Amino acid sequence: MILKNRYIWLLLPAVILVGVCFLYPVSWLLQRSVSEPVWGFQNYETIFTKTIYLGVLWNTVAIAGTTTIICALIGFPVAYSMVHSKPFVRRILIFAVLIPFWTSILVRTFAWLVILQRGGIINDLLTGIGLIAEPMDLVYNRFGVLLGMVQVLLPFMVFPLFSVMARVDGSYFRAATNLGATPIRAFLRVYLPLCLPGLMTGSMLVFIIALGYFITPALLGGRGDIMIAQLIFERIDEFGDWALASTLAIVLLVGTGLLFVFINALLKFRGGRF
């Protein structure tokens, strides 16, 4: 019993930290979302009935989902190359993927702003070699947002895939091909299912982080690409509307929690395996 109490005391600092830095702010936001201007659910009704807020919610999910898909399409071959390349090449690839972690998100976003603008490097290069007649709009739109977010979030997809692929026994793939399966069929039926835990983990990380993104869409996106974090900032900074901002924050938190519940239920349904 004394030993158990010791373990409880060791957990106490973490419990206090979570309570002060997470539970209290969330409860404060929840209280304001249902108490201002009067007690009730009118703020939630506003969000789910007005087109402008539904559009922002849809933008948030669509941008986060698209970013996740692009990261998966790029991250899978990168992780595969890291696993199956020579040690020297593997170190170079790991270094290249790790570079974003060593640079501020704000700096990287401003860099993309300089590169993608109408007078930037890409447009100057394309017009200089004659591929386009006039500069293209590569920024202040969905393309710029997705490019910036994928560049930042790609490591969160690559490394979970890399850790899983490194443990996959290559003899399974060779056995499938020796038994008559084509390389594509062996990949889809053998190798890909073994990599699904890493793919799912990376997708969850990228999607959940992307849901709360603010700097990249604010600098690289247009008015039609506003995400929920931008709207929360706007409601507080320009209007001082803490009630609606709190409601938006709670909706984002609940949506993220429901995603975790869904993934957990899927894991239980599949017996803890993908």
C-alpha atoms as a PDB file:
ATOM      1  CA  MET A   1       0.000   0.000   0.000  1.00  0.00           C
ATOM      2  CA  ILE A   2       2.852   2.377   0.840  1.00  0.00           C
ATOM      3  CA  LEU A   3       4.507   1.601  -2.507  1.00  0.00           C
ATOM      4  CA  LYS A   4       1.307   2.443  -4.327  1.00  0.00           C
ATOM      5  CA  ASN A   5       1.074   5.728  -2.449  1.00  0.00           C
ATOM      6  CA  ARG A   6       4.601   6.554  -3.548  1.00  0.00           C
ATOM      7  CA  TYR A   7       3.609   6.075  -7.161  1.00  0.00           C
ATOM      8  CA  ILE A   8       0.630   8.356  -6.633  1.00  0.00           C
ATOM      9  CA  TRP A   9       2.891  11.072  -5.217  1.00  0.00           C
ATOM     10  CA  LEU A  10       5.132  10.754  -8.254  1.00  0.00           C
ATOM     11  CA  LEU A  11       2.117  11.343 -10.496  1.00  0.00           C
ATOM     12  CA  LEU A  12       0.942  14.359  -8.525  1.00  0.00           C
ATOM     13  CA  PRO A  13       3.101  16.983 -10.353  1.00  0.00           C
ATOM     14  CA  ALA A  14       1.823  15.783 -13.730  1.00  0.00           C
ATOM     15  CA  VAL A  15      -1.785  15.818 -12.508  1.00  0.00           C
ATOM     16  CA  ILE A  16      -1.382  19.368 -11.189  1.00  0.00           C
ATOM     17  CA  LEU A  17       0.222  20.486 -14.451  1.00  0.00           C
ATOM     18  CA  VAL A  18      -2.603  19.016 -16.542  1.00  0.00           C
ATOM     19  CA  GLY A  19      -5.216  20.482 -14.223  1.00  0.00           C
ATOM     20  CA  VAL A  20      -3.756  23.992 -14.231  1.00  0.00           C
ATOM     21  CA  CYS A  21      -2.684  24.173 -17.887  1.00  0.00           C
ATOM     22  CA  PHE A  22      -5.495  22.188 -19.526  1.00  0.00           C
ATOM     23  CA  LEU A  23      -8.542  21.322 -17.432  1.00  0.00           C
ATOM     24  CA  TYR A  24      -8.985  24.765 -15.880  1.00  0.00           C
ATOM     25  CA  PRO A  25      -8.694  26.708 -19.185  1.00  0.00           C
ATOM     26  CA  VAL A  26     -11.008  24.254 -20.949  1.00  0.00           C
ATOM     27  CA  SER A  27     -13.605  24.463 -18.179  1.00  0.00           C
ATOM     28  CA  TRP A  28     -13.330  28.274 -18.313  1.00  0.00           C
ATOM     29  CA  LEU A  29     -13.936  28.249 -22.074  1.00  0.00           C
ATOM     30  CA  LEU A  30     -16.832  25.814 -21.694  1.00  0.00           C
ATOM     31  CA  GLN A  31     -18.450  28.018 -19.067  1.00  0.00           C
ATOM     32  CA  ARG A  32     -18.173  31.137 -21.242  1.00  0.00           C
ATOM     33  CA  SER A  33     -19.528  29.320 -24.286  1.00  0.00           C
ATOM     34  CA  VAL A  34     -22.827  28.575 -22.534  1.00  0.00           C
ATOM     35  CA  SER A  35     -23.133  31.603 -20.216  1.00  0.00           C
ATOM     36  CA  GLU A  36     -22.577  34.598 -22.518  1.00  0.00           C
ATOM     37  CA  PRO A  37     -24.524  36.653 -23.333  1.00  0.00           C
ATOM     38  CA  VAL A  38     -27.072  34.535 -21.439  1.00  0.00           C
ATOM     39  CA  TRP A  39     -27.107  30.944 -20.246  1.00  0.00           C
ATOM     40  CA  GLY A  40     -27.963  28.532 -23.043  1.00  0.00           C
ATOM     41  CA  PHE A  41     -26.670  26.948 -26.235  1.00  0.00           C
ATOM     42  CA  GLN A  42     -27.294  29.902 -28.529  1.00  0.00           C
ATOM     43  CA  ASN A  43     -23.595  30.176 -29.396  1.00  0.00           C
ATOM     44  CA  TYR A  44     -23.482  26.558 -30.578  1.00  0.00           C
ATOM     45  CA  GLU A  45     -26.688  27.129 -32.519  1.00  0.00           C
ATOM     46  CA  THR A  46     -25.073  30.122 -34.216  1.00  0.00           C
ATOM     47  CA  ILE A  47     -22.040  28.115 -35.298  1.00  0.00           C
ATOM     48  CA  PHE A  48     -24.023  25.216 -36.735  1.00  0.00           C
ATOM     49  CA  THR A  49     -26.702  27.306 -38.454  1.00  0.00           C
ATOM     50  CA  LYS A  50     -24.810  30.219 -40.030  1.00  0.00           C
ATOM     51  CA  THR A  51     -23.147  29.581 -43.367  1.00  0.00           C
ATOM     52  CA  ILE A  52     -19.994  31.538 -42.564  1.00  0.00           C
ATOM     53  CA  TYR A  53     -19.118  29.350 -39.582  1.00  0.00           C
ATOM     54  CA  LEU A  54     -20.043  26.125 -41.344  1.00  0.00           C
ATOM     55  CA  GLY A  55     -17.794  27.203 -44.197  1.00  0.00           C
ATOM     56  CA  VAL A  56     -14.875  27.765 -41.843  1.00  0.00           C
ATOM     57  CA  LEU A  57     -15.444  24.374 -40.206  1.00  0.00           C
ATOM     58  CA  TRP A  58     -15.514  22.738 -43.624  1.00  0.00           C
ATOM     59  CA  ASN A  59     -12.340  24.607 -44.669  1.00  0.00           C
ATOM     60  CA  THR A  60     -10.581  23.384 -41.542  1.00  0.00           C
ATOM     61  CA  VAL A  61     -11.500  19.738 -42.094  1.00  0.00           C
ATOM     62  CA  ALA A  62     -10.854  19.896 -45.854  1.00  0.00           C
ATOM     63  CA  ILE A  63      -7.437  21.541 -45.528  1.00  0.00           C
ATOM     64  CA  ALA A  64      -6.373  19.232 -42.681  1.00  0.00           C
ATOM     65  CA  GLY A  65      -7.590  16.166 -44.591  1.00  0.00           C
ATOM     66  CA  THR A  66      -5.932  17.192 -47.851  1.00  0.00           C
ATOM     67  CA  THR A  67      -2.685  17.953 -46.018  1.00  0.00           C
ATOM     68  CA  THR A  68      -2.800  14.507 -44.426  1.00  0.00           C
ATOM     69  CA  ILE A  69      -3.338  12.769 -47.772  1.00  0.00           C
ATOM     70  CA  ILE A  70      -0.509  14.668 -49.457  1.00  0.00           C
ATOM     71  CA  CYS A  71       1.829  13.980 -46.538  1.00  0.00           C
ATOM     72  CA  ALA A  72       0.977  10.267 -46.771  1.00  0.00           C
ATOM     73  CA  LEU A  73       1.606  10.177 -50.527  1.00  0.00           C
ATOM     74  CA  ILE A  74       4.959  11.917 -50.124  1.00  0.00           C
ATOM     75  CA  GLY A  75       5.972  10.435 -46.786  1.00  0.00           C
ATOM     76  CA  PHE A  76       5.474   6.773 -47.702  1.00  0.00           C
ATOM     77  CA  PRO A  77       8.114   6.627 -50.478  1.00  0.00           C
ATOM     78  CA  VAL A  78      10.446   8.837 -48.425  1.00  0.00           C
ATOM     79  CA  ALA A  79      10.197   6.521 -45.411  1.00  0.00           C
ATOM     80  CA  TYR A  80      10.603   3.470 -47.663  1.00  0.00           C
ATOM     81  CA  SER A  81      13.749   4.992 -49.172  1.00  0.00           C
ATOM     82  CA  MET A  82      15.115   5.745 -45.707  1.00  0.00           C
ATOM     83  CA  VAL A  83      14.624   2.132 -44.619  1.00  0.00           C
ATOM     84  CA  HIS A  84      16.016   0.435 -47.708  1.00  0.00           C
ATOM     85  CA  SER A  85      18.833   2.804 -48.697  1.00  0.00           C
ATOM     86  CA  LYS A  86      22.481   2.597 -47.716  1.00  0.00           C
ATOM     87  CA  PRO A  87      23.470   4.057 -44.323  1.00  0.00           C
ATOM     88  CA  PHE A  88      25.029   7.176 -45.861  1.00  0.00           C
ATOM     89  CA  VAL A  89      21.959   7.932 -47.963  1.00  0.00           C
ATOM     90  CA  ARG A  90      19.710   7.148 -44.982  1.00  0.00           C
ATOM     91  CA  ARG A  91      21.524   9.719 -42.842  1.00  0.00           C
ATOM     92  CA  ILE A  92      21.145  12.337 -45.569  1.00  0.00           C
ATOM     93  CA  LEU A  93      17.406  11.647 -45.881  1.00  0.00           C
ATOM     94  CA  ILE A  94      16.887  11.765 -42.122  1.00  0.00           C
ATOM     95  CA  PHE A  95      18.809  15.040 -41.981  1.00  0.00           C
ATOM     96  CA  ALA A  96      16.663  16.490 -44.790  1.00  0.00           C
ATOM     97  CA  VAL A  97      13.435  15.485 -43.029  1.00  0.00           C
ATOM     98  CA  LEU A  98      14.647  16.833 -39.681  1.00  0.00           C
ATOM     99  CA  ILE A  99      15.574  20.283 -41.023  1.00  0.00           C
ATOM    100  CA  PRO A 100      12.025  21.685 -40.549  1.00  0.00           C
ATOM    101  CA  PHE A 101      12.224  20.948 -36.802  1.00  0.00           C
ATOM    102  CA  TRP A 102      15.250  23.242 -36.521  1.00  0.00           C
ATOM    103  CA  THR A 103      13.604  26.297 -38.100  1.00  0.00           C
ATOM    104  CA  SER A 104      10.772  28.449 -36.801  1.00  0.00           C
ATOM    105  CA  ILE A 105       7.390  27.906 -38.454  1.00  0.00           C
ATOM    106  CA  LEU A 106       7.084  31.667 -38.885  1.00  0.00           C
ATOM    107  CA  VAL A 107      10.441  31.854 -40.691  1.00  0.00           C
ATOM    108  CA  ARG A 108       9.535  28.952 -42.987  1.00  0.00           C
ATOM    109  CA  THR A 109       6.160  30.484 -43.796  1.00  0.00           C
ATOM    110  CA  PHE A 110       7.699  33.841 -44.680  1.00  0.00           C
ATOM    111  CA  ALA A 111      10.220  31.982 -46.832  1.00  0.00           C
ATOM    112  CA  TRP A 112       7.401  30.370 -48.804  1.00  0.00           C
ATOM    113  CA  LEU A 113       5.781  33.794 -49.103  1.00  0.00           C
ATOM    114  CA  VAL A 114       8.942  35.142 -50.752  1.00  0.00           C
ATOM    115  CA  ILE A 115       9.359  32.086 -52.985  1.00  0.00           C
ATOM    116  CA  LEU A 116       5.737  31.817 -54.164  1.00  0.00           C
ATOM    117  CA  GLN A 117       4.797  35.467 -54.706  1.00  0.00           C
ATOM    118  CA  ARG A 118       4.261  36.766 -58.243  1.00  0.00           C
ATOM    119  CA  GLY A 119       7.754  38.263 -58.263  1.00  0.00           C
ATOM    120  CA  GLY A 120       9.279  35.278 -56.472  1.00  0.00           C
ATOM    121  CA  ILE A 121      11.869  32.741 -57.519  1.00  0.00           C
ATOM    122  CA  ILE A 122       9.447  30.179 -58.990  1.00  0.00           C
ATOM    123  CA  ASN A 123       7.524  32.641 -61.161  1.00  0.00           C
ATOM    124  CA  ASP A 124      10.730  34.348 -62.299  1.00  0.00           C
ATOM    125  CA  LEU A 125      12.203  30.962 -63.259  1.00  0.00           C
ATOM    126  CA  LEU A 126       9.107  29.777 -65.135  1.00  0.00           C
ATOM    127  CA  THR A 127       8.696  33.033 -67.023  1.00  0.00           C
ATOM    128  CA  GLY A 128      12.426  33.193 -67.725  1.00  0.00           C
ATOM    129  CA  ILE A 129      12.492  29.795 -69.449  1.00  0.00           C
ATOM    130  CA  GLY A 130       9.244  30.527 -71.272  1.00  0.00           C
ATOM    131  CA  LEU A 131       6.953  27.952 -69.660  1.00  0.00           C
ATOM    132  CA  ILE A 132       4.434  30.622 -68.642  1.00  0.00           C
ATOM    133  CA  ALA A 133       3.646  33.994 -70.185  1.00  0.00           C
ATOM    134  CA  GLU A 134       2.825  35.786 -66.934  1.00  0.00           C
ATOM    135  CA  PRO A 135       3.338  35.050 -63.228  1.00  0.00           C
ATOM    136  CA  MET A 136       0.947  32.591 -61.588  1.00  0.00           C
ATOM    137  CA  ASP A 137      -0.926  33.101 -58.337  1.00  0.00           C
ATOM    138  CA  LEU A 138       0.818  30.595 -56.085  1.00  0.00           C
ATOM    139  CA  VAL A 139       0.143  32.310 -52.777  1.00  0.00           C
ATOM    140  CA  TYR A 140      -2.873  33.737 -50.938  1.00  0.00           C
ATOM    141  CA  ASN A 141      -4.853  30.692 -52.041  1.00  0.00           C
ATOM    142  CA  ARG A 142      -5.385  27.030 -51.144  1.00  0.00           C
ATOM    143  CA  PHE A 143      -2.271  25.928 -53.038  1.00  0.00           C
ATOM    144  CA  GLY A 144       0.006  28.110 -50.903  1.00  0.00           C
ATOM    145  CA  VAL A 145      -1.645  26.941 -47.671  1.00  0.00           C
ATOM    146  CA  LEU A 146      -1.293  23.262 -48.558  1.00  0.00           C
ATOM    147  CA  LEU A 147       2.301  23.625 -49.712  1.00  0.00           C
ATOM    148  CA  GLY A 148       3.328  25.406 -46.526  1.00  0.00           C
ATOM    149  CA  MET A 149       1.494  23.002 -44.218  1.00  0.00           C
ATOM    150  CA  VAL A 150       2.781  19.880 -45.973  1.00  0.00           C
ATOM    151  CA  GLN A 151       6.367  21.119 -45.712  1.00  0.00           C
ATOM    152  CA  VAL A 152       5.971  21.693 -41.975  1.00  0.00           C
ATOM    153  CA  LEU A 153       4.007  18.554 -41.109  1.00  0.00           C
ATOM    154  CA  LEU A 154       5.722  16.004 -43.362  1.00  0.00           C
ATOM    155  CA  PRO A 155       8.156  14.816 -40.624  1.00  0.00           C
ATOM    156  CA  PHE A 156       5.190  13.823 -38.447  1.00  0.00           C
ATOM    157  CA  MET A 157       4.210  11.389 -41.194  1.00  0.00           C
ATOM    158  CA  VAL A 158       7.654  10.169 -42.203  1.00  0.00           C
ATOM    159  CA  PHE A 159       9.040   9.114 -38.836  1.00  0.00           C
ATOM    160  CA  PRO A 160       6.072   6.958 -37.665  1.00  0.00           C
ATOM    161  CA  LEU A 161       6.203   5.221 -41.050  1.00  0.00           C
ATOM    162  CA  PHE A 162       9.974   4.832 -40.817  1.00  0.00           C
ATOM    163  CA  SER A 163       9.790   3.251 -37.348  1.00  0.00           C
ATOM    164  CA  VAL A 164       7.212   0.690 -38.524  1.00  0.00           C
ATOM    165  CA  MET A 165       8.851  -0.072 -41.874  1.00  0.00           C
ATOM    166  CA  ALA A 166      12.184  -0.694 -40.160  1.00  0.00           C
ATOM    167  CA  ARG A 167      10.571  -3.617 -38.291  1.00  0.00           C
ATOM    168  CA  VAL A 168       8.863  -5.181 -41.327  1.00  0.00           C
ATOM    169  CA  ASP A 169      10.509  -8.453 -42.348  1.00  0.00           C
ATOM    170  CA  GLY A 170      11.310  -8.319 -46.050  1.00  0.00           C
ATOM    171  CA  SER A 171      10.959 -12.083 -46.333  1.00  0.00           C
ATOM    172  CA  TYR A 172       7.151 -11.695 -46.296  1.00  0.00           C
ATOM    173  CA  PHE A 173       7.230  -9.677 -49.492  1.00  0.00           C
ATOM    174  CA  ARG A 174       9.660 -12.079 -51.158  1.00  0.00           C
ATOM    175  CA  ALA A 175       7.527 -15.042 -50.103  1.00  0.00           C
ATOM    176  CA  ALA A 176       4.448 -13.458 -51.663  1.00  0.00           C
ATOM    177  CA  THR A 177       6.241 -12.885 -54.973  1.00  0.00           C
ATOM    178  CA  ASN A 178       7.668 -16.427 -54.928  1.00  0.00           C
ATOM    179  CA  LEU A 179       4.127 -17.761 -54.474  1.00  0.00           C
ATOM    180  CA  GLY A 180       2.988 -16.067 -57.656  1.00  0.00           C
ATOM    181  CA  ALA A 181       1.855 -12.610 -56.552  1.00  0.00           C
ATOM    182  CA  THR A 182       2.797  -9.684 -58.744  1.00  0.00           C
ATOM    183  CA  PRO A 183       4.888  -6.955 -57.084  1.00  0.00           C
ATOM    184  CA  ILE A 184       1.860  -4.639 -56.970  1.00  0.00           C
ATOM    185  CA  ARG A 185      -0.367  -7.327 -55.452  1.00  0.00           C
ATOM    186  CA  ALA A 186       2.313  -8.300 -52.938  1.00  0.00           C
ATOM    187  CA  PHE A 187       2.670  -4.647 -51.946  1.00  0.00           C
ATOM    188  CA  LEU A 188      -1.061  -4.106 -51.521  1.00  0.00           C
ATOM    189  CA  ARG A 189      -1.829  -7.404 -49.783  1.00  0.00           C
ATOM    190  CA  VAL A 190       1.330  -7.926 -47.698  1.00  0.00           C
ATOM    191  CA  TYR A 191       3.593  -4.902 -47.292  1.00  0.00           C
ATOM    192  CA  LEU A 192       0.999  -2.128 -47.028  1.00  0.00           C
ATOM    193  CA  PRO A 193      -1.079  -3.833 -44.286  1.00  0.00           C
ATOM    194  CA  LEU A 194       2.086  -4.308 -42.231  1.00  0.00           C
ATOM    195  CA  CYS A 195       2.801  -0.579 -42.555  1.00  0.00           C
ATOM    196  CA  LEU A 196      -0.730   0.573 -41.676  1.00  0.00           C
ATOM    197  CA  PRO A 197      -0.005   1.187 -37.954  1.00  0.00           C
ATOM    198  CA  GLY A 198       2.668   3.737 -38.875  1.00  0.00           C
ATOM    199  CA  LEU A 199       0.479   5.226 -41.597  1.00  0.00           C
ATOM    200  CA  MET A 200      -2.440   5.589 -39.185  1.00  0.00           C
ATOM    201  CA  THR A 201      -0.275   7.099 -36.455  1.00  0.00           C
ATOM    202  CA  GLY A 202       1.281   9.603 -38.848  1.00  0.00           C
ATOM    203  CA  SER A 203      -2.110  10.488 -40.311  1.00  0.00           C
ATOM    204  CA  MET A 204      -3.562  11.137 -36.869  1.00  0.00           C
ATOM    205  CA  LEU A 205      -0.626  13.353 -35.906  1.00  0.00           C
ATOM    206  CA  VAL A 206      -0.750  15.373 -39.119  1.00  0.00           C
ATOM    207  CA  PHE A 207      -4.535  15.728 -39.180  1.00  0.00           C
ATOM    208  CA  ILE A 208      -4.899  16.754 -35.527  1.00  0.00           C
ATOM    209  CA  ILE A 209      -2.022  19.255 -35.682  1.00  0.00           C
ATOM    210  CA  ALA A 210      -3.368  20.674 -38.950  1.00  0.00           C
ATOM    211  CA  LEU A 211      -6.812  21.251 -37.416  1.00  0.00           C
ATOM    212  CA  GLY A 212      -5.393  23.919 -35.115  1.00  0.00           C
ATOM    213  CA  TYR A 213      -3.012  25.580 -37.583  1.00  0.00           C
ATOM    214  CA  PHE A 214      -2.897  29.367 -37.573  1.00  0.00           C
ATOM    215  CA  ILE A 215       0.326  30.976 -38.878  1.00  0.00           C
ATOM    216  CA  THR A 216       0.607  29.211 -42.245  1.00  0.00           C
ATOM    217  CA  PRO A 217      -2.996  29.696 -43.447  1.00  0.00           C
ATOM    218  CA  ALA A 218      -3.007  33.249 -42.074  1.00  0.00           C
ATOM    219  CA  LEU A 219       0.055  34.253 -44.128  1.00  0.00           C
ATOM    220  CA  LEU A 220      -0.264  32.067 -47.224  1.00  0.00           C
ATOM    221  CA  GLY A 221      -4.041  31.725 -47.560  1.00  0.00           C
ATOM    222  CA  GLY A 222      -6.795  33.957 -48.872  1.00  0.00           C
ATOM    223  CA  ARG A 223     -10.181  34.916 -47.482  1.00  0.00           C
ATOM    224  CA  GLY A 224     -11.622  31.664 -48.771  1.00  0.00           C
ATOM    225  CA  ASP A 225      -9.088  29.587 -46.826  1.00  0.00           C
ATOM    226  CA  ILE A 226      -9.786  30.765 -43.284  1.00  0.00           C
ATOM    227  CA  MET A 227      -9.443  28.013 -40.687  1.00  0.00           C
ATOM    228  CA  ILE A 228     -11.008  27.765 -37.275  1.00  0.00           C
ATOM    229  CA  ALA A 229      -7.914  28.962 -35.379  1.00  0.00           C
ATOM    230  CA  GLN A 230      -7.876  32.156 -37.459  1.00  0.00           C
ATOM    231  CA  LEU A 231     -11.551  32.719 -36.769  1.00  0.00           C
ATOM    232  CA  ILE A 232     -11.011  32.286 -33.025  1.00  0.00           C
ATOM    233  CA  PHE A 233      -8.214  34.870 -33.109  1.00  0.00           C
ATOM    234  CA  GLU A 234     -10.342  37.238 -35.179  1.00  0.00           C
ATOM    235  CA  ARG A 235     -13.334  37.013 -32.839  1.00  0.00           C
ATOM    236  CA  ILE A 236     -11.139  37.864 -29.838  1.00  0.00           C
ATOM    237  CA  ASP A 237      -8.726  40.375 -31.372  1.00  0.00           C
ATOM    238  CA  GLU A 238     -11.180  42.418 -33.446  1.00  0.00           C
ATOM    239  CA  PHE A 239     -14.489  41.966 -31.652  1.00  0.00           C
ATOM    240  CA  GLY A 240     -13.632  40.862 -28.117  1.00  0.00           C
ATOM    241  CA  ASP A 241     -16.208  38.102 -28.544  1.00  0.00           C
ATOM    242  CA  TRP A 242     -14.930  35.560 -26.034  1.00  0.00           C
ATOM    243  CA  ALA A 243     -18.233  33.671 -26.003  1.00  0.00           C
ATOM    244  CA  LEU A 244     -18.188  32.704 -29.691  1.00  0.00           C
ATOM    245  CA  ALA A 245     -14.429  32.180 -29.655  1.00  0.00           C
ATOM    246  CA  SER A 246     -14.797  29.838 -26.672  1.00  0.00           C
ATOM    247  CA  THR A 247     -17.545  27.955 -28.478  1.00  0.00           C
ATOM    248  CA  LEU A 248     -15.364  27.494 -31.550  1.00  0.00           C
ATOM    249  CA  ALA A 249     -12.515  26.244 -29.362  1.00  0.00           C
ATOM    250  CA  ILE A 250     -14.789  23.730 -27.631  1.00  0.00           C
ATOM    251  CA  VAL A 251     -16.119  22.502 -30.983  1.00  0.00           C
ATOM    252  CA  LEU A 252     -12.544  21.987 -32.204  1.00  0.00           C
ATOM    253  CA  LEU A 253     -11.608  20.154 -28.986  1.00  0.00           C
ATOM    254  CA  VAL A 254     -14.684  17.923 -29.094  1.00  0.00           C
ATOM    255  CA  GLY A 255     -14.086  17.121 -32.749  1.00  0.00           C
ATOM    256  CA  THR A 256     -10.525  16.081 -31.988  1.00  0.00           C
ATOM    257  CA  GLY A 257     -11.719  13.961 -29.062  1.00  0.00           C
ATOM    258  CA  LEU A 258     -14.312  12.230 -31.247  1.00  0.00           C
ATOM    259  CA  LEU A 259     -11.565  11.382 -33.720  1.00  0.00           C
ATOM    260  CA  PHE A 260      -9.586   9.690 -30.937  1.00  0.00           C
ATOM    261  CA  VAL A 261     -12.695   7.773 -29.859  1.00  0.00           C
ATOM    262  CA  PHE A 262     -13.280   6.615 -33.432  1.00  0.00           C
ATOM    263  CA  ILE A 263      -9.694   5.432 -33.862  1.00  0.00           C
ATOM    264  CA  ASN A 264      -9.802   3.652 -30.498  1.00  0.00           C
ATOM    265  CA  ALA A 265     -13.056   1.913 -31.443  1.00  0.00           C
ATOM    266  CA  LEU A 266     -11.540   0.899 -34.770  1.00  0.00           C
ATOM    267  CA  LEU A 267      -8.536  -0.574 -32.978  1.00  0.00           C
ATOM    268  CA  LYS A 268     -10.761  -2.570 -30.640  1.00  0.00           C
ATOM    269  CA  PHE A 269     -12.868  -3.784 -33.557  1.00  0.00           C
ATOM    270  CA  ARG A 270      -9.736  -4.974 -35.374  1.00  0.00           C
ATOM    271  CA  GLY A 271      -8.353  -6.626 -32.233  1.00  0.00           C
ATOM    272  CA  GLY A 272      -5.667  -3.996 -31.690  1.00  0.00           C
ATOM    273  CA  ARG A 273      -4.313  -4.354 -35.262  1.00  0.00           C
ATOM    274  CA  PHE A 274      -4.893  -2.486 -38.491  1.00  0.00           C
END
